[in-house]
Amino acid sequence: MSTTGDDYMMHQEAGTKKPCQSCKWQIADPTNPLRGQCTVNRNKMGGVWKRWVTDVNTMTCAKHEEGKLSFREHV
């Protein structure tokens, strides 16, 4: 992982042990299973700020959480 202040930003890391694919904040792209959307970021009013994940197997960030997203966290 990089040692800069950009660890919270999504970045590509080959061989990562915390890929976006296993993160509860990642929503799979229905047409391309290698891509997805990250929903971890929110604006001040609570709205979801989605980011495209170009490769769910090699992308990661410091906000990675294992598990499934519950209904209450999603709304």
C-alpha atoms as a PDB file:
ATOM      1  CA  MET A   1       0.000   0.000   0.000  1.00  0.00           C
ATOM      2  CA  SER A   2       1.227   3.491  -0.682  1.00  0.00           C
ATOM      3  CA  THR A   3       2.521   5.564   2.206  1.00  0.00           C
ATOM      4  CA  THR A   4       1.109   8.870   1.006  1.00  0.00           C
ATOM      5  CA  GLY A   5      -1.992  10.590   2.340  1.00  0.00           C
ATOM      6  CA  ASP A   6      -3.944   9.077  -0.558  1.00  0.00           C
ATOM      7  CA  ASP A   7      -4.576   5.735   1.198  1.00  0.00           C
ATOM      8  CA  TYR A   8      -8.247   6.710   1.571  1.00  0.00           C
ATOM      9  CA  MET A   9      -8.491   7.121  -2.189  1.00  0.00           C
ATOM     10  CA  MET A  10      -9.216   4.070  -4.278  1.00  0.00           C
ATOM     11  CA  HIS A  11      -6.010   2.783  -5.845  1.00  0.00           C
ATOM     12  CA  GLN A  12      -4.734  -0.236  -7.715  1.00  0.00           C
ATOM     13  CA  GLU A  13      -2.635  -2.678  -5.718  1.00  0.00           C
ATOM     14  CA  ALA A  14      -1.566  -5.942  -7.344  1.00  0.00           C
ATOM     15  CA  GLY A  15      -1.980  -8.917  -4.994  1.00  0.00           C
ATOM     16  CA  THR A  16      -3.974  -6.960  -2.403  1.00  0.00           C
ATOM     17  CA  LYS A  17      -5.517  -8.919   0.462  1.00  0.00           C
ATOM     18  CA  LYS A  18      -8.430  -6.431   0.595  1.00  0.00           C
ATOM     19  CA  PRO A  19      -9.846  -6.189  -2.951  1.00  0.00           C
ATOM     20  CA  CYS A  20     -13.011  -4.227  -3.682  1.00  0.00           C
ATOM     21  CA  GLN A  21     -14.704  -7.490  -4.668  1.00  0.00           C
ATOM     22  CA  SER A  22     -14.903  -8.579  -0.996  1.00  0.00           C
ATOM     23  CA  CYS A  23     -15.844  -5.126   0.345  1.00  0.00           C
ATOM     24  CA  LYS A  24     -19.397  -4.579   1.569  1.00  0.00           C
ATOM     25  CA  TRP A  25     -19.511  -1.111  -0.030  1.00  0.00           C
ATOM     26  CA  GLN A  26     -18.938  -2.438  -3.576  1.00  0.00           C
ATOM     27  CA  ILE A  27     -21.923  -2.989  -5.873  1.00  0.00           C
ATOM     28  CA  ALA A  28     -21.255  -5.330  -8.792  1.00  0.00           C
ATOM     29  CA  ASP A  29     -21.779  -4.154 -12.351  1.00  0.00           C
ATOM     30  CA  PRO A  30     -24.494  -6.415 -13.821  1.00  0.00           C
ATOM     31  CA  THR A  31     -23.001  -6.332 -17.321  1.00  0.00           C
ATOM     32  CA  ASN A  32     -19.294  -6.715 -16.462  1.00  0.00           C
ATOM     33  CA  PRO A  33     -18.334  -8.714 -13.325  1.00  0.00           C
ATOM     34  CA  LEU A  34     -14.797  -7.252 -13.335  1.00  0.00           C
ATOM     35  CA  ARG A  35     -16.166  -3.741 -12.705  1.00  0.00           C
ATOM     36  CA  GLY A  36     -18.375  -2.245 -10.021  1.00  0.00           C
ATOM     37  CA  GLN A  37     -19.315   0.840  -8.039  1.00  0.00           C
ATOM     38  CA  CYS A  38     -18.061   1.944  -4.630  1.00  0.00           C
ATOM     39  CA  THR A  39     -20.736   3.462  -2.356  1.00  0.00           C
ATOM     40  CA  VAL A  40     -18.712   4.144   0.819  1.00  0.00           C
ATOM     41  CA  ASN A  41     -18.553   7.932   0.376  1.00  0.00           C
ATOM     42  CA  ARG A  42     -21.430  10.182   1.390  1.00  0.00           C
ATOM     43  CA  ASN A  43     -21.997  13.900   1.002  1.00  0.00           C
ATOM     44  CA  LYS A  44     -22.915  16.172   3.945  1.00  0.00           C
ATOM     45  CA  MET A  45     -26.623  15.499   3.448  1.00  0.00           C
ATOM     46  CA  GLY A  46     -26.125  11.729   3.454  1.00  0.00           C
ATOM     47  CA  GLY A  47     -26.418  11.149  -0.278  1.00  0.00           C
ATOM     48  CA  VAL A  48     -24.287   8.401  -1.791  1.00  0.00           C
ATOM     49  CA  TRP A  49     -21.346   9.496  -3.921  1.00  0.00           C
ATOM     50  CA  LYS A  50     -20.622   6.544  -6.217  1.00  0.00           C
ATOM     51  CA  ARG A  51     -17.215   5.881  -7.732  1.00  0.00           C
ATOM     52  CA  TRP A  52     -16.540   3.472 -10.585  1.00  0.00           C
ATOM     53  CA  VAL A  53     -14.304   0.522  -9.762  1.00  0.00           C
ATOM     54  CA  THR A  54     -12.421  -0.425 -12.918  1.00  0.00           C
ATOM     55  CA  ASP A  55     -11.093  -3.759 -11.602  1.00  0.00           C
ATOM     56  CA  VAL A  56     -12.698  -5.237  -8.468  1.00  0.00           C
ATOM     57  CA  ASN A  57      -9.843  -7.740  -8.021  1.00  0.00           C
ATOM     58  CA  THR A  58      -6.927  -5.283  -7.799  1.00  0.00           C
ATOM     59  CA  MET A  59      -8.492  -2.032  -6.532  1.00  0.00           C
ATOM     60  CA  THR A  60      -8.574  -1.236  -2.783  1.00  0.00           C
ATOM     61  CA  CYS A  61      -8.752   1.637  -0.280  1.00  0.00           C
ATOM     62  CA  ALA A  62      -8.382   2.224   3.463  1.00  0.00           C
ATOM     63  CA  LYS A  63     -12.172   2.129   3.972  1.00  0.00           C
ATOM     64  CA  HIS A  64     -12.413  -1.556   2.965  1.00  0.00           C
ATOM     65  CA  GLU A  65     -14.846  -3.588   5.091  1.00  0.00           C
ATOM     66  CA  GLU A  66     -15.555  -7.310   4.714  1.00  0.00           C
ATOM     67  CA  GLY A  67     -19.159  -8.456   4.654  1.00  0.00           C
ATOM     68  CA  LYS A  68     -22.512  -7.636   3.146  1.00  0.00           C
ATOM     69  CA  LEU A  69     -24.202  -4.259   3.108  1.00  0.00           C
ATOM     70  CA  SER A  70     -27.308  -4.162   5.285  1.00  0.00           C
ATOM     71  CA  PHE A  71     -30.487  -2.420   4.153  1.00  0.00           C
ATOM     72  CA  ARG A  72     -30.156   0.252   6.886  1.00  0.00           C
ATOM     73  CA  GLU A  73     -26.614   1.180   5.819  1.00  0.00           C
ATOM     74  CA  HIS A  74     -27.691   1.460   2.181  1.00  0.00           C
ATOM     75  CA  VAL A  75     -30.517   3.986   2.732  1.00  0.00           C
END
